[in-house]
Structures are given as structure tokens and as C-alpha cells.
Amino acid sequence: MATPLTVEELYERYIRMLTPQQKIHLLAKIAEELAKSHTGEKPQSILDLHGLGAEIWHGIDPQEYIDQLRSEWDHRP
């Protein structure tokens, strides 16, 4: 059975010759795999946060809120 390559050997044989774009792609693949193995699940997307905390704004008129903020800015020293 063949001896496994060290990280240094692997880099010198296969990775060093890659283009910067290929190396970035490889890093992304490794990071994704590490994130999955660390948490046991797929990393969350920022889109998963859509609508989170919407109840805080229930009953608040957006334009009135903006007008209030702007009036506070006018009275700052």
C-alpha cells in the first residue's frame, strides 16, 4: 500500500501549479466541507434571515418612524 502524501507534497505536486482562481475555488470547497463537518449541517444562507424580527415592526408606520428619526437628527448638537 502506498504511503499517503504529506500536505507539503500534495501542495507541491498538485496545488502550487493551479491558477489563483483555481486556488480560490479549492479553498471555497475545503471551507464548505469543513463547515459541514463542524456543524453537521449545511451553512445557513443570509436569505434564511428574511422576515426575522418582523413582529417588532408590527403596528409601526414606516414613514412616521423615518420622520421621527430625521427630526431627532435635526436636534442633535
PDB file of N, CA and C in Angstrom:
ATOM      1  N   MET A   1       0.844  -1.183   0.000  1.00  0.00           N
ATOM      2  CA  MET A   1       0.000   0.000   0.000  1.00  0.00           C
ATOM      3  C   MET A   1       0.890   1.247   0.000  1.00  0.00           C
ATOM      4  N   ALA A   2       0.488   2.248  -0.801  1.00  0.00           N
ATOM      5  CA  ALA A   2       1.286   3.470  -0.927  1.00  0.00           C
ATOM      6  C   ALA A   2       1.146   4.345   0.306  1.00  0.00           C
ATOM      7  N   THR A   3       2.241   5.017   0.639  1.00  0.00           N
ATOM      8  CA  THR A   3       2.231   5.940   1.769  1.00  0.00           C
ATOM      9  C   THR A   3       1.468   7.206   1.369  1.00  0.00           C
ATOM     10  N   PRO A   4       0.550   7.687   2.213  1.00  0.00           N
ATOM     11  CA  PRO A   4      -0.182   8.909   1.881  1.00  0.00           C
ATOM     12  C   PRO A   4       0.768  10.100   1.749  1.00  0.00           C
ATOM     13  N   LEU A   5       0.425  11.025   0.870  1.00  0.00           N
ATOM     14  CA  LEU A   5       1.234  12.218   0.682  1.00  0.00           C
ATOM     15  C   LEU A   5       1.096  13.140   1.887  1.00  0.00           C
ATOM     16  N   THR A   6       2.165  13.825   2.210  1.00  0.00           N
ATOM     17  CA  THR A   6       2.071  14.861   3.242  1.00  0.00           C
ATOM     18  C   THR A   6       1.389  16.075   2.621  1.00  0.00           C
ATOM     19  N   VAL A   7       0.955  16.995   3.433  1.00  0.00           N
ATOM     20  CA  VAL A   7       0.329  18.214   2.938  1.00  0.00           C
ATOM     21  C   VAL A   7       1.299  18.976   2.050  1.00  0.00           C
ATOM     22  N   GLU A   8       2.552  19.022   2.442  1.00  0.00           N
ATOM     23  CA  GLU A   8       3.565  19.723   1.658  1.00  0.00           C
ATOM     24  C   GLU A   8       3.745  19.077   0.283  1.00  0.00           C
ATOM     25  N   GLU A   9       3.787  17.737   0.246  1.00  0.00           N
ATOM     26  CA  GLU A   9       3.923  17.031  -1.025  1.00  0.00           C
ATOM     27  C   GLU A   9       2.697  17.245  -1.906  1.00  0.00           C
ATOM     28  N   LEU A  10       1.546  17.186  -1.303  1.00  0.00           N
ATOM     29  CA  LEU A  10       0.302  17.413  -2.027  1.00  0.00           C
ATOM     30  C   LEU A  10       0.280  18.809  -2.648  1.00  0.00           C
ATOM     31  N   TYR A  11       0.701  19.781  -1.866  1.00  0.00           N
ATOM     32  CA  TYR A  11       0.744  21.161  -2.362  1.00  0.00           C
ATOM     33  C   TYR A  11       1.723  21.288  -3.528  1.00  0.00           C
ATOM     34  N   GLU A  12       2.913  20.788  -3.352  1.00  0.00           N
ATOM     35  CA  GLU A  12       3.940  20.919  -4.388  1.00  0.00           C
ATOM     36  C   GLU A  12       3.551  20.190  -5.673  1.00  0.00           C
ATOM     37  N   ARG A  13       2.933  19.019  -5.555  1.00  0.00           N
ATOM     38  CA  ARG A  13       2.595  18.218  -6.737  1.00  0.00           C
ATOM     39  C   ARG A  13       1.358  18.721  -7.477  1.00  0.00           C
ATOM     40  N   TYR A  14       0.351  19.141  -6.727  1.00  0.00           N
ATOM     41  CA  TYR A  14      -0.944  19.392  -7.365  1.00  0.00           C
ATOM     42  C   TYR A  14      -1.488  20.810  -7.227  1.00  0.00           C
ATOM     43  N   ILE A  15      -1.181  21.472  -6.143  1.00  0.00           N
ATOM     44  CA  ILE A  15      -1.835  22.751  -5.871  1.00  0.00           C
ATOM     45  C   ILE A  15      -1.013  23.942  -6.336  1.00  0.00           C
ATOM     46  N   ARG A  16       0.277  23.872  -6.156  1.00  0.00           N
ATOM     47  CA  ARG A  16       1.143  25.006  -6.500  1.00  0.00           C
ATOM     48  C   ARG A  16       0.954  25.476  -7.934  1.00  0.00           C
ATOM     49  N   MET A  17       0.716  24.565  -8.851  1.00  0.00           N
ATOM     50  CA  MET A  17       0.620  24.912 -10.269  1.00  0.00           C
ATOM     51  C   MET A  17      -0.752  25.481 -10.663  1.00  0.00           C
ATOM     52  N   LEU A  18      -1.701  25.456  -9.760  1.00  0.00           N
ATOM     53  CA  LEU A  18      -3.032  25.978 -10.072  1.00  0.00           C
ATOM     54  C   LEU A  18      -3.001  27.495 -10.230  1.00  0.00           C
ATOM     55  N   THR A  19      -3.953  27.998 -10.985  1.00  0.00           N
ATOM     56  CA  THR A  19      -4.078  29.456 -11.130  1.00  0.00           C
ATOM     57  C   THR A  19      -4.648  30.015  -9.825  1.00  0.00           C
ATOM     58  N   PRO A  20      -4.484  31.319  -9.600  1.00  0.00           N
ATOM     59  CA  PRO A  20      -5.079  31.910  -8.398  1.00  0.00           C
ATOM     60  C   PRO A  20      -6.590  31.642  -8.305  1.00  0.00           C
ATOM     61  N   GLN A  21      -7.287  31.701  -9.429  1.00  0.00           N
ATOM     62  CA  GLN A  21      -8.731  31.452  -9.427  1.00  0.00           C
ATOM     63  C   GLN A  21      -9.036  30.009  -9.016  1.00  0.00           C
ATOM     64  N   GLN A  22      -8.262  29.063  -9.495  1.00  0.00           N
ATOM     65  CA  GLN A  22      -8.448  27.663  -9.121  1.00  0.00           C
ATOM     66  C   GLN A  22      -8.158  27.447  -7.641  1.00  0.00           C
ATOM     67  N   LYS A  23      -7.138  28.138  -7.119  1.00  0.00           N
ATOM     68  CA  LYS A  23      -6.812  28.012  -5.697  1.00  0.00           C
ATOM     69  C   LYS A  23      -7.936  28.564  -4.832  1.00  0.00           C
ATOM     70  N   ILE A  24      -8.525  29.680  -5.247  1.00  0.00           N
ATOM     71  CA  ILE A  24      -9.650  30.254  -4.503  1.00  0.00           C
ATOM     72  C   ILE A  24     -10.828  29.287  -4.512  1.00  0.00           C
ATOM     73  N   HIS A  25     -11.086  28.685  -5.666  1.00  0.00           N
ATOM     74  CA  HIS A  25     -12.173  27.709  -5.770  1.00  0.00           C
ATOM     75  C   HIS A  25     -11.905  26.515  -4.846  1.00  0.00           C
ATOM     76  N   LEU A  26     -10.676  26.048  -4.819  1.00  0.00           N
ATOM     77  CA  LEU A  26     -10.305  24.941  -3.948  1.00  0.00           C
ATOM     78  C   LEU A  26     -10.495  25.316  -2.477  1.00  0.00           C
ATOM     79  N   LEU A  27     -10.071  26.513  -2.115  1.00  0.00           N
ATOM     80  CA  LEU A  27     -10.262  26.979  -0.738  1.00  0.00           C
ATOM     81  C   LEU A  27     -11.732  27.019  -0.352  1.00  0.00           C
ATOM     82  N   ALA A  28     -12.566  27.482  -1.267  1.00  0.00           N
ATOM     83  CA  ALA A  28     -14.007  27.547  -1.001  1.00  0.00           C
ATOM     84  C   ALA A  28     -14.572  26.147  -0.778  1.00  0.00           C
ATOM     85  N   LYS A  29     -14.145  25.193  -1.599  1.00  0.00           N
ATOM     86  CA  LYS A  29     -14.607  23.814  -1.436  1.00  0.00           C
ATOM     87  C   LYS A  29     -14.186  23.240  -0.081  1.00  0.00           C
ATOM     88  N   ILE A  30     -12.942  23.497   0.301  1.00  0.00           N
ATOM     89  CA  ILE A  30     -12.439  22.991   1.579  1.00  0.00           C
ATOM     90  C   ILE A  30     -13.185  23.649   2.739  1.00  0.00           C
ATOM     91  N   ALA A  31     -13.406  24.961   2.655  1.00  0.00           N
ATOM     92  CA  ALA A  31     -14.117  25.675   3.710  1.00  0.00           C
ATOM     93  C   ALA A  31     -15.545  25.156   3.850  1.00  0.00           C
ATOM     94  N   GLU A  32     -16.202  24.905   2.726  1.00  0.00           N
ATOM     95  CA  GLU A  32     -17.571  24.379   2.758  1.00  0.00           C
ATOM     96  C   GLU A  32     -17.616  23.006   3.429  1.00  0.00           C
ATOM     97  N   GLU A  33     -16.658  22.167   3.071  1.00  0.00           N
ATOM     98  CA  GLU A  33     -16.602  20.832   3.667  1.00  0.00           C
ATOM     99  C   GLU A  33     -16.330  20.914   5.170  1.00  0.00           C
ATOM    100  N   LEU A  34     -15.432  21.794   5.564  1.00  0.00           N
ATOM    101  CA  LEU A  34     -15.136  21.960   6.994  1.00  0.00           C
ATOM    102  C   LEU A  34     -16.343  22.467   7.763  1.00  0.00           C
ATOM    103  N   ALA A  35     -17.060  23.412   7.171  1.00  0.00           N
ATOM    104  CA  ALA A  35     -18.249  23.953   7.838  1.00  0.00           C
ATOM    105  C   ALA A  35     -19.298  22.864   8.024  1.00  0.00           C
ATOM    106  N   LYS A  36     -19.474  22.022   7.026  1.00  0.00           N
ATOM    107  CA  LYS A  36     -20.447  20.938   7.125  1.00  0.00           C
ATOM    108  C   LYS A  36     -20.032  19.932   8.195  1.00  0.00           C
ATOM    109  N   SER A  37     -18.757  19.582   8.219  1.00  0.00           N
ATOM    110  CA  SER A  37     -18.301  18.577   9.171  1.00  0.00           C
ATOM    111  C   SER A  37     -18.288  19.132  10.592  1.00  0.00           C
ATOM    112  N   HIS A  38     -18.105  20.442  10.715  1.00  0.00           N
ATOM    113  CA  HIS A  38     -18.073  21.055  12.045  1.00  0.00           C
ATOM    114  C   HIS A  38     -19.459  21.107  12.671  1.00  0.00           C
ATOM    115  N   THR A  39     -20.465  21.477  11.895  1.00  0.00           N
ATOM    116  CA  THR A  39     -21.808  21.635  12.437  1.00  0.00           C
ATOM    117  C   THR A  39     -22.698  20.445  12.153  1.00  0.00           C
ATOM    118  N   GLY A  40     -22.311  19.642  11.177  1.00  0.00           N
ATOM    119  CA  GLY A  40     -23.151  18.530  10.796  1.00  0.00           C
ATOM    120  C   GLY A  40     -24.269  18.934   9.861  1.00  0.00           C
ATOM    121  N   GLU A  41     -24.356  20.194   9.530  1.00  0.00           N
ATOM    122  CA  GLU A  41     -25.375  20.659   8.611  1.00  0.00           C
ATOM    123  C   GLU A  41     -24.809  21.676   7.641  1.00  0.00           C
ATOM    124  N   LYS A  42     -25.587  21.960   6.617  1.00  0.00           N
ATOM    125  CA  LYS A  42     -25.180  22.933   5.607  1.00  0.00           C
ATOM    126  C   LYS A  42     -25.154  24.324   6.242  1.00  0.00           C
ATOM    127  N   PRO A  43     -24.150  25.148   5.914  1.00  0.00           N
ATOM    128  CA  PRO A  43     -24.123  26.514   6.453  1.00  0.00           C
ATOM    129  C   PRO A  43     -25.366  27.285   6.027  1.00  0.00           C
ATOM    130  N   GLN A  44     -25.843  28.155   6.921  1.00  0.00           N
ATOM    131  CA  GLN A  44     -27.035  28.928   6.623  1.00  0.00           C
ATOM    132  C   GLN A  44     -26.745  29.998   5.591  1.00  0.00           C
ATOM    133  N   SER A  45     -27.775  30.322   4.837  1.00  0.00           N
ATOM    134  CA  SER A  45     -27.710  31.409   3.881  1.00  0.00           C
ATOM    135  C   SER A  45     -28.216  32.674   4.561  1.00  0.00           C
ATOM    136  N   ILE A  46     -27.715  33.821   4.151  1.00  0.00           N
ATOM    137  CA  ILE A  46     -28.216  35.092   4.668  1.00  0.00           C
ATOM    138  C   ILE A  46     -29.703  35.235   4.362  1.00  0.00           C
ATOM    139  N   LEU A  47     -30.149  34.578   3.292  1.00  0.00           N
ATOM    140  CA  LEU A  47     -31.559  34.646   2.922  1.00  0.00           C
ATOM    141  C   LEU A  47     -32.454  33.947   3.941  1.00  0.00           C
ATOM    142  N   ASP A  48     -31.896  33.056   4.758  1.00  0.00           N
ATOM    143  CA  ASP A  48     -32.674  32.391   5.801  1.00  0.00           C
ATOM    144  C   ASP A  48     -33.141  33.367   6.874  1.00  0.00           C
ATOM    145  N   LEU A  49     -32.535  34.545   6.922  1.00  0.00           N
ATOM    146  CA  LEU A  49     -32.892  35.542   7.932  1.00  0.00           C
ATOM    147  C   LEU A  49     -34.058  36.428   7.493  1.00  0.00           C
ATOM    148  N   HIS A  50     -34.527  36.250   6.256  1.00  0.00           N
ATOM    149  CA  HIS A  50     -35.622  37.071   5.731  1.00  0.00           C
ATOM    150  C   HIS A  50     -36.847  36.973   6.643  1.00  0.00           C
ATOM    151  N   GLY A  51     -37.360  38.125   7.069  1.00  0.00           N
ATOM    152  CA  GLY A  51     -38.558  38.173   7.889  1.00  0.00           C
ATOM    153  C   GLY A  51     -38.304  38.016   9.381  1.00  0.00           C
ATOM    154  N   LEU A  52     -37.090  37.712   9.766  1.00  0.00           N
ATOM    155  CA  LEU A  52     -36.778  37.534  11.180  1.00  0.00           C
ATOM    156  C   LEU A  52     -36.948  38.851  11.922  1.00  0.00           C
ATOM    157  N   GLY A  53     -37.679  38.854  12.984  1.00  0.00           N
ATOM    158  CA  GLY A  53     -37.901  40.066  13.770  1.00  0.00           C
ATOM    159  C   GLY A  53     -39.001  40.964  13.221  1.00  0.00           C
ATOM    160  N   ALA A  54     -39.776  40.470  12.265  1.00  0.00           N
ATOM    161  CA  ALA A  54     -40.828  41.290  11.655  1.00  0.00           C
ATOM    162  C   ALA A  54     -41.854  41.741  12.685  1.00  0.00           C
ATOM    163  N   GLU A  55     -42.052  40.949  13.721  1.00  0.00           N
ATOM    164  CA  GLU A  55     -43.062  41.298  14.733  1.00  0.00           C
ATOM    165  C   GLU A  55     -42.714  42.579  15.485  1.00  0.00           C
ATOM    166  N   ILE A  56     -41.451  42.948  15.518  1.00  0.00           N
ATOM    167  CA  ILE A  56     -41.020  44.171  16.196  1.00  0.00           C
ATOM    168  C   ILE A  56     -41.644  45.397  15.541  1.00  0.00           C
ATOM    169  N   TRP A  57     -41.829  45.326  14.236  1.00  0.00           N
ATOM    170  CA  TRP A  57     -42.322  46.465  13.470  1.00  0.00           C
ATOM    171  C   TRP A  57     -43.844  46.466  13.308  1.00  0.00           C
ATOM    172  N   HIS A  58     -44.532  45.493  13.878  1.00  0.00           N
ATOM    173  CA  HIS A  58     -45.984  45.405  13.760  1.00  0.00           C
ATOM    174  C   HIS A  58     -46.643  46.658  14.346  1.00  0.00           C
ATOM    175  N   GLY A  59     -47.488  47.287  13.566  1.00  0.00           N
ATOM    176  CA  GLY A  59     -48.221  48.465  14.035  1.00  0.00           C
ATOM    177  C   GLY A  59     -47.446  49.771  13.930  1.00  0.00           C
ATOM    178  N   ILE A  60     -46.240  49.742  13.369  1.00  0.00           N
ATOM    179  CA  ILE A  60     -45.438  50.964  13.234  1.00  0.00           C
ATOM    180  C   ILE A  60     -45.478  51.409  11.773  1.00  0.00           C
ATOM    181  N   ASP A  61     -45.865  52.663  11.565  1.00  0.00           N
ATOM    182  CA  ASP A  61     -45.902  53.215  10.219  1.00  0.00           C
ATOM    183  C   ASP A  61     -44.477  53.583   9.802  1.00  0.00           C
ATOM    184  N   PRO A  62     -44.003  53.033   8.698  1.00  0.00           N
ATOM    185  CA  PRO A  62     -42.616  53.285   8.289  1.00  0.00           C
ATOM    186  C   PRO A  62     -42.300  54.764   8.074  1.00  0.00           C
ATOM    187  N   GLN A  63     -43.197  55.487   7.437  1.00  0.00           N
ATOM    188  CA  GLN A  63     -42.924  56.902   7.166  1.00  0.00           C
ATOM    189  C   GLN A  63     -42.881  57.718   8.454  1.00  0.00           C
ATOM    190  N   GLU A  64     -43.771  57.416   9.394  1.00  0.00           N
ATOM    191  CA  GLU A  64     -43.745  58.119  10.688  1.00  0.00           C
ATOM    192  C   GLU A  64     -42.430  57.829  11.422  1.00  0.00           C
ATOM    193  N   TYR A  65     -41.986  56.603  11.359  1.00  0.00           N
ATOM    194  CA  TYR A  65     -40.732  56.224  12.024  1.00  0.00           C
ATOM    195  C   TYR A  65     -39.556  56.990  11.416  1.00  0.00           C
ATOM    196  N   ILE A  66     -39.511  57.050  10.085  1.00  0.00           N
ATOM    197  CA  ILE A  66     -38.429  57.779   9.406  1.00  0.00           C
ATOM    198  C   ILE A  66     -38.479  59.258   9.745  1.00  0.00           C
ATOM    199  N   ASP A  67     -39.696  59.831   9.733  1.00  0.00           N
ATOM    200  CA  ASP A  67     -39.842  61.248  10.076  1.00  0.00           C
ATOM    201  C   ASP A  67     -39.353  61.528  11.496  1.00  0.00           C
ATOM    202  N   GLN A  68     -39.646  60.621  12.416  1.00  0.00           N
ATOM    203  CA  GLN A  68     -39.196  60.774  13.806  1.00  0.00           C
ATOM    204  C   GLN A  68     -37.670  60.738  13.883  1.00  0.00           C
ATOM    205  N   LEU A  69     -37.052  59.798  13.194  1.00  0.00           N
ATOM    206  CA  LEU A  69     -35.590  59.721  13.197  1.00  0.00           C
ATOM    207  C   LEU A  69     -34.968  60.995  12.631  1.00  0.00           C
ATOM    208  N   ARG A  70     -35.534  61.472  11.540  1.00  0.00           N
ATOM    209  CA  ARG A  70     -34.995  62.684  10.917  1.00  0.00           C
ATOM    210  C   ARG A  70     -35.131  63.896  11.828  1.00  0.00           C
ATOM    211  N   SER A  71     -36.239  63.973  12.558  1.00  0.00           N
ATOM    212  CA  SER A  71     -36.404  65.116  13.469  1.00  0.00           C
ATOM    213  C   SER A  71     -35.395  65.047  14.616  1.00  0.00           C
ATOM    214  N   GLU A  72     -35.045  63.833  15.039  1.00  0.00           N
ATOM    215  CA  GLU A  72     -34.025  63.676  16.078  1.00  0.00           C
ATOM    216  C   GLU A  72     -32.663  64.144  15.558  1.00  0.00           C
ATOM    217  N   TRP A  73     -32.378  63.884  14.298  1.00  0.00           N
ATOM    218  CA  TRP A  73     -31.097  64.311  13.715  1.00  0.00           C
ATOM    219  C   TRP A  73     -31.000  65.838  13.709  1.00  0.00           C
ATOM    220  N   ASP A  74     -32.128  66.495  13.441  1.00  0.00           N
ATOM    221  CA  ASP A  74     -32.137  67.955  13.368  1.00  0.00           C
ATOM    222  C   ASP A  74     -31.855  68.589  14.725  1.00  0.00           C
ATOM    223  N   HIS A  75     -32.139  67.893  15.815  1.00  0.00           N
ATOM    224  CA  HIS A  75     -31.972  68.449  17.159  1.00  0.00           C
ATOM    225  C   HIS A  75     -30.700  67.991  17.856  1.00  0.00           C
ATOM    226  N   ARG A  76     -29.843  67.322  17.139  1.00  0.00           N
ATOM    227  CA  ARG A  76     -28.572  66.892  17.743  1.00  0.00           C
ATOM    228  C   ARG A  76     -27.603  68.060  17.793  1.00  0.00           C
ATOM    229  N   PRO A  77     -26.781  68.104  18.839  1.00  0.00           N
ATOM    230  CA  PRO A  77     -25.806  69.217  18.963  1.00  0.00           C
ATOM    231  C   PRO A  77     -24.682  69.088  17.949  1.00  0.00           C
TER     232      PRO A  77
END
